[in-house]
Protein backbone atom coordinates (compact mmCIF):
# COMPACT_ATOMS: atom_id res chain seq x y z
CA MET A 1 0.12 -0.32 0.18
CA PRO A 2 2.30 2.65 1.13
CA ARG A 3 3.95 2.34 -2.91
CA LEU A 4 0.75 2.29 -4.44
CA LEU A 5 0.70 5.66 -2.60
CA ARG A 6 4.20 6.95 -3.46
CA LEU A 7 2.66 6.45 -7.17
CA LEU A 8 -0.31 7.88 -6.92
CA ARG A 9 1.48 10.81 -5.04
CA SER A 10 3.83 11.09 -8.36
CA PRO A 11 3.51 14.90 -9.42
CA ARG A 12 4.29 12.30 -12.85
CA LEU A 13 1.50 10.61 -12.67
CA ALA A 14 -1.19 12.98 -11.72
CA LEU A 15 0.83 15.71 -14.68
CA ALA A 16 0.06 12.34 -17.20
CA ALA A 17 -3.28 11.69 -16.39
CA LEU A 18 -4.36 15.76 -16.99
CA ALA A 19 -1.94 15.76 -20.25
CA TRP A 20 -4.15 12.86 -21.54
CA LEU A 21 -7.60 14.30 -20.27
CA GLY A 22 -6.62 17.80 -22.02
CA GLY A 23 -5.43 15.36 -25.33
CA TYR A 24 -8.17 13.63 -25.15
CA ALA A 25 -10.65 16.46 -24.59
CA ALA A 26 -9.78 18.77 -27.22
CA ALA A 27 -9.70 16.11 -30.03
CA GLY A 28 -12.82 14.95 -29.01
CA ALA A 29 -14.16 18.36 -29.02
CA TRP A 30 -13.44 18.91 -32.47
CA LEU A 31 -13.56 15.73 -34.64
CA PRO A 32 -15.68 16.01 -37.74
CA TRP A 33 -18.82 14.69 -36.49
CA SER A 34 -18.92 16.41 -33.31
CA LEU A 35 -19.30 19.56 -35.28
CA PRO A 36 -22.34 21.26 -36.02
CA GLY A 37 -23.95 19.58 -39.37
CA GLY A 38 -20.33 17.10 -38.54
CA GLY A 39 -22.63 14.49 -40.33
CA ALA A 40 -22.87 10.99 -38.73
CA PRO A 41 -19.43 8.50 -37.29
CA PRO A 42 -17.53 6.53 -39.77
CA GLY A 43 -18.40 2.79 -38.33
CA TRP A 44 -14.51 2.15 -36.98
CA ALA A 45 -15.53 5.93 -35.11
CA VAL A 46 -18.29 4.14 -33.86
CA ALA A 47 -17.15 0.63 -33.00
CA ALA A 48 -14.08 2.87 -30.36
CA GLY A 49 -16.80 4.66 -28.90
CA LEU A 50 -15.71 7.79 -30.27
CA ASP A 51 -19.46 9.08 -31.46
CA HIS A 52 -20.02 9.97 -28.55
CA PRO A 53 -16.31 10.35 -27.01
CA PHE A 54 -17.37 11.42 -23.39
CA THR A 55 -19.07 8.61 -22.03
CA THR A 56 -16.39 6.28 -23.11
CA TRP A 57 -14.39 4.28 -20.85
CA THR A 58 -10.91 5.42 -21.73
CA PHE A 59 -12.61 8.78 -20.47
CA LEU A 60 -14.06 7.44 -17.33
CA GLY A 61 -10.74 5.93 -17.03
CA ALA A 62 -8.27 8.35 -17.11
CA VAL A 63 -10.84 10.57 -15.10
CA ALA A 64 -10.79 7.83 -12.15
CA LEU A 65 -7.18 7.97 -12.12
CA LEU A 66 -7.19 10.74 -11.77
CA PHE A 67 -9.91 11.26 -8.91
CA ALA A 68 -7.32 8.58 -6.89
CA SER A 69 -4.32 10.61 -7.79
CA THR A 70 -5.82 13.94 -5.74
CA LEU A 71 -7.21 11.47 -2.86
CA ALA A 72 -3.82 10.14 -2.52
CA CYS A 73 -2.28 13.42 -2.14
CA THR A 74 -5.51 14.66 0.26
CA TRP A 75 -4.88 11.51 2.19
CA GLY A 76 -3.11 12.15 5.49
CA LYS A 77 -3.26 16.11 5.09
CA ARG A 78 -5.96 17.31 7.06
CA ALA A 79 -4.01 15.39 10.13
CA ARG A 80 -0.64 17.64 9.48
CA VAL A 81 -2.97 20.88 9.20
CA ALA A 82 -4.67 19.75 12.48
CA ALA A 83 -0.72 18.46 14.02
CA LEU A 84 0.26 22.77 12.25
CA LEU A 85 -1.78 24.09 14.55
CA ARG A 86 -1.51 22.46 17.35
CA GLY A 87 1.91 24.07 16.83
CA GLU A 88 3.95 20.85 16.10
CA LEU A 89 6.20 22.40 13.11
CA PRO A 90 7.29 21.15 10.11
CA GLY A 91 11.31 20.36 9.15
CA THR A 92 11.02 22.78 7.29
CA ALA A 93 9.95 25.14 9.77
CA ALA A 94 11.91 28.43 9.07
CA THR A 95 13.10 29.92 12.09
CA LEU A 96 13.17 33.77 13.41
CA PRO A 97 16.59 33.92 15.43
CA TYR A 98 17.78 35.50 18.68
CA ARG A 99 18.80 38.92 17.97
CA ALA A 100 19.59 41.19 21.25
CA GLY A 101 17.75 43.85 22.46
CA SER A 102 14.40 43.14 19.82
CA ASP A 103 11.18 40.40 20.87
CA VAL A 104 10.17 38.26 18.87
CA THR A 105 6.95 37.71 20.09
CA ALA A 106 6.52 41.69 20.02
CA PHE A 107 7.94 41.26 16.68
CA LEU A 108 4.90 37.97 15.64
CA ARG A 109 1.92 39.94 17.03
CA ALA A 110 2.58 42.86 15.17
CA SER A 111 2.52 40.32 11.98
CA GLY A 112 -0.73 39.31 13.28
CA PHE A 113 -0.37 36.46 15.04
CA ARG A 114 -2.10 35.11 17.91
CA GLY A 115 -2.36 33.20 21.10
CA ASP A 116 -1.40 32.50 24.68
CA GLY A 117 1.23 30.16 25.62
CA PRO A 118 4.77 29.53 22.96
CA VAL A 119 1.70 28.79 19.97
CA LEU A 120 1.41 31.62 17.72
CA ARG A 121 -1.05 31.45 14.97
CA ARG A 122 -1.93 33.86 12.30
CA LEU A 123 -5.30 33.42 10.57
CA PRO A 124 -5.80 29.95 12.19
CA ALA A 125 -8.97 29.27 9.42
CA ALA A 126 -7.11 29.64 5.86
CA LEU A 127 -3.83 27.03 6.50
CA TRP A 128 -7.45 24.86 5.73
CA GLY A 129 -6.89 25.85 2.40
CA GLY A 130 -5.10 23.29 0.58
CA TRP A 131 -7.59 20.89 2.45
CA LEU A 132 -9.99 22.23 0.90
CA PHE A 133 -8.88 23.56 -2.63
CA HIS A 134 -8.14 19.15 -2.94
CA VAL A 135 -11.64 18.49 -1.48
CA GLY A 136 -13.25 20.71 -4.15
CA LEU A 137 -10.77 18.68 -6.94
CA LEU A 138 -12.47 15.41 -5.32
CA VAL A 139 -16.11 16.27 -5.39
CA LEU A 140 -15.41 17.74 -8.73
CA ILE A 141 -13.84 14.76 -10.20
CA ALA A 142 -16.66 13.24 -9.09
CA ALA A 143 -19.46 14.69 -9.61
CA ILE A 144 -17.85 14.61 -13.86
CA ALA A 145 -17.73 10.90 -13.73
CA VAL A 146 -20.79 10.60 -12.15
CA GLN A 147 -22.65 13.43 -14.72
CA GLN A 148 -20.78 11.35 -17.59
CA SER A 149 -22.15 7.60 -16.51
CA PHE A 150 -25.12 9.01 -15.92
CA HIS A 151 -26.01 11.77 -18.73
CA ASP A 152 -28.79 10.89 -20.85
CA GLY A 153 -29.35 13.45 -23.78
CA ALA A 154 -31.53 14.08 -27.22
CA THR A 155 -33.22 16.06 -29.36
CA LEU A 156 -36.52 15.25 -30.60
CA GLN A 157 -39.28 17.86 -32.66
CA LEU A 158 -42.27 19.28 -32.15
CA THR A 159 -44.81 21.21 -34.76
CA GLU A 160 -48.12 23.07 -31.80
CA GLY A 161 -50.54 20.81 -30.46
CA GLU A 162 -47.81 17.61 -31.07
CA VAL A 163 -46.84 15.63 -27.99
CA ALA A 164 -44.04 13.57 -28.06
CA ARG A 165 -43.28 10.17 -25.68
CA LEU A 166 -39.62 10.66 -24.74
CA ASP A 167 -38.71 6.58 -24.23
CA ASP A 168 -41.52 6.01 -28.03
CA PRO A 169 -39.72 4.67 -31.02
CA GLY A 170 -38.50 7.42 -32.75
CA ALA A 171 -39.37 9.70 -30.47
CA VAL A 172 -36.34 11.17 -30.27
CA PHE A 173 -32.72 11.26 -32.24
CA GLY A 174 -28.63 12.21 -31.59
CA ARG A 175 -29.38 10.03 -28.80
CA ASP A 176 -25.58 10.48 -26.42
CA ARG A 177 -25.78 7.81 -23.41
CA GLY A 178 -23.44 7.54 -20.51
CA PRO A 179 -22.42 3.68 -19.91
CA LEU A 180 -24.19 3.72 -16.84
CA ALA A 181 -27.40 5.38 -18.38
CA PRO A 182 -30.83 3.23 -19.14
CA ALA A 183 -31.49 2.05 -21.93
CA GLN A 184 -34.65 3.72 -22.63
CA PRO A 185 -35.54 7.47 -22.61
CA PRO A 186 -36.59 8.67 -19.37
CA PRO A 187 -40.19 8.03 -19.61
CA LEU A 188 -41.88 11.47 -20.41
CA THR A 189 -43.95 13.06 -22.75
CA VAL A 190 -43.31 17.07 -23.72
CA SER A 191 -46.21 18.67 -25.26
CA LEU A 192 -45.62 21.75 -27.78
CA LEU A 193 -48.63 24.36 -26.62
CA SER A 194 -46.84 27.43 -27.66
CA PHE A 195 -44.05 27.92 -30.77
CA ASP A 196 -42.62 32.00 -31.65
CA PRO A 197 -39.98 30.85 -34.41
CA PHE A 198 -38.43 34.41 -34.39
CA ALA A 199 -39.15 35.60 -31.28
CA HIS A 200 -37.26 39.21 -30.66
CA GLN A 201 -37.31 39.51 -27.02
CA PRO A 202 -36.27 42.86 -25.65
CA GLY A 203 -32.11 43.34 -25.29
CA TYR A 204 -31.39 40.03 -27.23
CA ALA A 205 -30.30 38.93 -30.25
CA PRO A 206 -33.88 37.22 -32.43
CA ASP A 207 -33.92 33.86 -30.95
CA ARG A 208 -36.94 30.76 -30.72
CA LEU A 209 -39.41 30.90 -27.91
CA SER A 210 -41.66 27.91 -27.01
CA THR A 211 -44.76 27.11 -24.04
CA LEU A 212 -43.78 23.41 -23.10
CA ARG A 213 -45.73 21.10 -20.53
CA LEU A 214 -43.45 18.12 -19.43
CA GLU A 215 -45.73 15.17 -17.43
CA ARG A 216 -44.54 12.12 -15.86
CA ARG A 217 -46.07 8.56 -16.58
CA GLY A 218 -48.80 9.00 -14.08
CA GLY A 219 -47.25 11.35 -12.07
CA ALA A 220 -46.16 15.34 -11.77
CA SER A 221 -46.16 17.53 -14.37
CA VAL A 222 -45.23 20.73 -15.29
CA GLU A 223 -45.46 23.90 -17.61
CA GLY A 224 -43.29 26.99 -18.59
CA THR A 225 -41.70 28.70 -21.60
CA VAL A 226 -38.07 27.81 -22.58
CA ASP A 227 -36.24 29.10 -24.60
CA ARG A 228 -32.26 27.83 -26.00
CA ALA A 229 -31.19 29.67 -22.37
CA ARG A 230 -33.81 28.82 -20.24
CA GLY A 231 -35.23 25.35 -19.51
CA LEU A 232 -38.03 23.72 -18.22
CA ARG A 233 -37.49 20.86 -15.62
CA LEU A 234 -39.17 17.44 -14.23
CA GLY A 235 -37.96 14.84 -12.18
CA GLY A 236 -34.58 15.48 -13.40
CA VAL A 237 -34.67 15.99 -16.55
CA LYS A 238 -34.63 20.06 -17.97
CA VAL A 239 -35.86 20.34 -21.92
CA PHE A 240 -34.00 23.21 -24.37
CA GLN A 241 -35.11 25.12 -27.27
CA ALA A 242 -32.94 24.15 -29.80
CA ILE A 243 -32.18 26.01 -32.64
CA PRO A 244 -33.17 24.41 -35.48
CA VAL A 245 -36.65 24.91 -37.39
CA GLY A 246 -38.31 23.87 -40.93
CA LEU A 247 -41.32 23.27 -41.83
CA ALA A 248 -44.19 20.55 -41.25
CA VAL A 249 -47.29 18.75 -43.24
CA ASP A 250 -50.06 17.83 -41.32
CA LEU A 251 -51.81 15.20 -42.99
CA ALA A 252 -55.86 14.52 -41.87
CA LEU A 253 -55.56 10.44 -42.57
CA PRO A 254 -59.24 8.57 -43.00
CA ASP A 255 -59.74 7.06 -39.66
CA GLY A 256 -59.37 10.75 -38.50
CA SER A 257 -55.96 10.97 -37.07
CA ILE A 258 -53.59 14.18 -37.65
CA ARG A 259 -50.01 12.81 -38.86
CA SER A 260 -47.27 15.58 -38.59
CA VAL A 261 -44.57 15.17 -41.25
CA HIS A 262 -41.43 17.14 -40.46
CA LEU A 263 -39.89 17.93 -43.63
CA ALA A 264 -35.85 18.91 -43.97
CA THR A 265 -34.48 22.12 -45.26
CA VAL A 266 -32.88 20.61 -49.04
CA GLY A 267 -32.60 24.28 -50.32
CA ALA A 268 -32.43 27.89 -49.74
CA ARG A 269 -36.40 27.69 -50.22
CA GLU A 270 -37.57 23.13 -50.45
CA ALA A 271 -37.73 21.13 -47.94
CA ALA A 272 -38.72 17.36 -47.82
CA ALA A 273 -39.28 14.10 -45.87
CA ASP A 274 -38.74 10.50 -46.91
CA VAL A 275 -42.21 8.99 -45.35
CA ARG A 276 -44.06 5.71 -45.79
CA ASP A 277 -47.36 5.69 -47.03
CA LEU A 278 -50.36 3.59 -45.73
CA SER A 279 -49.35 1.26 -47.80
CA GLY A 280 -46.24 1.11 -45.69
CA LEU A 281 -44.08 2.15 -48.61
CA PRO A 282 -41.28 5.06 -48.93
CA VAL A 283 -42.66 7.95 -50.06
CA ARG A 284 -41.06 11.81 -50.39
CA LEU A 285 -43.08 14.83 -49.60
CA LEU A 286 -41.85 18.15 -51.34
CA ALA A 287 -42.88 21.62 -50.65
CA GLU A 288 -42.03 24.87 -52.75
CA THR A 289 -41.64 28.03 -50.89
CA GLU A 290 -42.29 31.56 -52.13
CA ARG A 291 -39.87 33.48 -49.73
CA PRO A 292 -37.10 31.70 -47.93
CA LEU A 293 -37.92 29.26 -45.56
CA ASP A 294 -36.22 31.32 -42.52
CA ASP A 295 -37.52 34.49 -44.02
CA ALA A 296 -39.51 36.69 -41.40
CA GLY A 297 -42.06 37.18 -42.48
CA GLY A 298 -43.02 34.13 -43.75
CA THR A 299 -42.71 31.91 -46.86
CA GLY A 300 -45.01 33.15 -48.62
CA ARG A 301 -47.20 30.23 -50.81
CA VAL A 302 -46.10 26.97 -50.55
CA GLU A 303 -46.72 23.58 -53.08
CA LEU A 304 -46.58 20.31 -52.40
CA ALA A 305 -45.56 17.65 -54.48
CA LEU A 306 -45.79 13.79 -53.82
CA LEU A 307 -42.96 12.13 -55.10
CA ALA A 308 -44.10 8.27 -55.97
CA GLY A 309 -41.06 6.45 -57.44
CA ASP A 310 -40.32 8.59 -60.57
CA ARG A 311 -43.27 10.21 -60.79
CA ARG A 312 -44.47 13.50 -59.12
CA TYR A 313 -48.21 13.39 -58.37
CA PRO A 314 -49.30 17.32 -57.01
CA ILE A 315 -50.88 18.32 -53.62
CA LEU A 316 -53.62 20.84 -54.26
CA PRO A 317 -54.68 22.79 -50.81
CA GLY A 318 -57.72 21.18 -48.98
CA SER A 319 -57.88 18.17 -51.78
CA PRO A 320 -57.39 14.65 -50.79
CA PHE A 321 -54.86 12.86 -52.39
CA GLY A 322 -53.87 8.75 -52.80
CA PHE A 323 -51.20 8.70 -49.91
CA GLY A 324 -51.06 4.24 -50.40
CA GLY A 325 -54.44 2.69 -50.11
CA GLY A 326 -56.82 5.11 -48.76
CA GLU A 327 -56.43 9.72 -48.75
CA ALA A 328 -55.72 11.94 -46.67
CA ARG A 329 -55.84 15.41 -46.85
CA VAL A 330 -53.50 18.86 -45.30
CA ALA A 331 -54.70 19.80 -42.64
CA ALA A 332 -52.42 23.11 -41.86
CA VAL A 333 -48.28 23.54 -43.40
CA ARG A 334 -46.67 25.05 -39.92
CA ARG A 335 -43.55 24.57 -38.65
CA TRP A 336 -41.68 22.83 -35.43
CA GLY A 337 -38.89 23.29 -33.60
CA ALA A 338 -36.69 21.58 -32.32
CA PHE A 339 -35.86 20.61 -28.72
CA THR A 340 -33.25 18.97 -26.89
CA TYR A 341 -33.57 17.07 -23.51
CA SER A 342 -30.59 16.11 -20.69
CA HIS A 343 -30.41 14.18 -17.74
CA SER A 344 -27.14 14.63 -15.67
CA PRO A 345 -27.42 14.44 -12.09
CA GLY A 346 -23.66 15.16 -11.39
CA MET A 347 -24.67 18.87 -11.78
CA SER A 348 -25.18 19.85 -8.63
CA GLY A 349 -22.00 18.02 -7.82
CA VAL A 350 -20.07 19.50 -10.24
CA PHE A 351 -21.28 23.24 -8.89
CA LEU A 352 -20.20 22.10 -5.28
CA GLY A 353 -17.00 20.90 -6.60
CA PHE A 354 -16.15 24.99 -8.17
CA ALA A 355 -17.10 25.72 -5.44
CA LEU A 356 -15.55 24.30 -3.06
CA LEU A 357 -12.23 25.12 -5.30
CA LEU A 358 -13.05 29.02 -5.24
CA ALA A 359 -13.29 29.08 -1.46
CA GLY A 360 -9.67 26.87 -1.23
CA SER A 361 -8.45 29.41 -3.63
CA ALA A 362 -9.36 32.76 -1.49
CA LEU A 363 -8.16 30.70 1.82
CA LEU A 364 -4.44 30.33 0.07
CA ALA A 365 -4.19 34.30 -1.07
CA LEU A 366 -3.88 34.67 2.50
CA PRO A 367 -0.81 34.62 5.31
CA ALA A 368 -1.52 32.01 6.91
CA GLY A 369 1.32 30.48 9.12
CA VAL A 370 1.83 29.16 12.98
CA ALA A 371 4.63 30.46 14.56
CA ARG A 372 6.32 28.07 17.59
CA LEU A 373 8.39 30.18 20.48
CA GLU A 374 11.05 28.77 21.56
CA PRO A 375 13.59 28.80 24.77
CA GLY A 376 16.00 31.54 24.47
CA GLY A 377 14.23 34.08 22.53
CA ALA A 378 13.82 32.61 19.42
CA ALA A 379 11.27 31.26 17.32
CA ARG A 380 10.25 28.71 14.41
CA VAL A 381 7.38 29.50 11.69
CA ALA A 382 5.18 27.09 8.90
CA GLY A 383 2.92 28.32 7.22
CA ARG A 384 2.66 30.91 4.01
CA GLY A 385 4.15 34.20 3.87
CA THR A 386 7.19 32.83 5.64
CA ALA A 387 9.81 34.33 3.87
CA ALA A 388 8.79 38.19 3.93
CA LEU A 389 8.32 37.75 7.21
CA LEU A 390 12.16 36.59 7.32
CA ALA A 391 12.95 39.36 5.59
CA ASP A 392 10.88 41.89 7.47
CA TRP A 393 12.82 40.45 10.61
CA ALA A 394 15.71 41.28 8.94
CA ALA A 395 14.84 44.71 8.50
CA ALA A 396 14.39 45.34 11.95
CA GLY A 397 17.19 44.19 13.14
CA ARG A 398 19.00 46.96 11.34
CA ASP A 399 16.93 49.58 11.95
CA ALA A 400 17.39 48.34 15.35
């Protein structure tokens, strides 16, 4: 065990783990398929787990190694700080030598040291700064490991009035989950009550703005407004507004149901979607607009068509059209909005870790120390600011 502790406390091991994590994170963030519009990852990347680089065991193993190294460095630090506060100074403590005509006790008190007896302390609480900083690192690393292990997130698309159950087949896409996350998305129902694809809130750039309703099956529900900065949370799952937006065609089917087909943009004035008709055959629904799809003033006239094989069938507004063994009708042409959900159980630990790091860093900036008065008028001092204290003691002797 002592050999293992020495290995884990090695600065080289800690630096190697940090270098590996830094290089891996930089490479993972700039993989072509990790960038917006980068497309699907190749097969070799999926096999290596690089399609989701920050939820692989490779990344989590390096995080675990860094945690073990930090824990080994933290181990025993509390006992060492407590011993220092009791006046048990290490062998590296500096000595303020006796000097005739000078009172080392008065000098130490003037420098901020307080206490009765042979042990004087300056800002004793600040001596815990290093220990608190290391605890913050441990909390942060552990929280990141938990967050990445159990993280679950994906994208969904909704039109106004549409309802999606996240764990239904095909309801979400682009799912990114950690190795310990549930196999299925959370059992959450998301309803889009209102959607403004060109909202312009005062003081902000043009954005999307939606009103959502979240409901757990047989459980609680919540309703609220979301944008790209403010999400809606229910049961540990948070739903945010995403940037993509497009045209959606609502089809009224023979059984009286409405099927919302979300078209993907394929040109400045053209959108399309590959779907299956009522008989299960693949067809393509095409929309061509008078003005650009992203025109805040609207698209103008929309012309719809159904492509089946090499044939094109125009779809007239309000008129039924053949849709594979039955007739359908266009009920509405609207816009769909994209949303993302995220379940990250370790985020509260991440915030706590950062808070402890900041608190530890603030304490480390203070000149804390412990002095022990020695027989014969000398004193030994340990802590931060010792070099400045020695210089002041030497300067006081020259001035005397």
